[in-house]
Amino acid sequence: MPPKAKFTRQNVIDKAFEIVREEGLETLTARNLGARLGSSARPIFTVFQSMDEVAQGVISAAKALYTQYIDRGLASEPAFKGVGTQYILFAINEPELFRLLFMNENADADIGDVLPLIDENYEKIRASVRAYGIGDEAAEKLYRHLWVYTHGIATLCATHTCAFSAEQISEMESEVFLALLKKFKEN
């Protein structure tokens, strides 16, 4: 008879999430996780096949937390600015989780791959951009420019390269949006 599990899958994921949230994915080892659980590493493998499986659980938990931020942004008007602001706040408040989700090397990525957690809400975001009197193609281009700019700010914040106040972030986003809007309306 296999040994009785000392911890549930959720117990293990919760502790693994704490480790990654505080110290980054590279510190998630069976030994560190066992210590965080107050145990050896062995009980982890009664509920998980591998540490990769644990890491996938952590990634799912990080995406769920990120989705809460994006949902707050989508409830804002305009939605594209709310989402951008929440994306940056996620980077500021959860730098290790931001790195986990958005700062991993992916040489084969295209723009669709880089926006995986925003795509499902893209139509609402695009509609909020179209409301400024530009067509679908221009709205998509404007959104992509804004996302690249927003990702840059978020990365600067997550890596502690720069620190911006909420007012500065709002002002920067607005200035870039208005400049791009003017460009796309002229074309």
Foldseek 3Di string as FASTA:
>chain_A
DDDDQPDELVVLLVLLLVCLQVPAPVPDDLQVSQVSVVHGSVSVCVHDVDVVVSVVSSLVVLLVVLVVLLVQLCVDVPSLLSNLLSLLVCLQNRLSSCCVLQVDDDPPDDLCVNCVSCVVVVVSNLVSQCVLPADSVLSVVLSSVLVVVSVVSSNCNSVVVDDDDSVRSSVVSVVSSVVSVVVRVVD
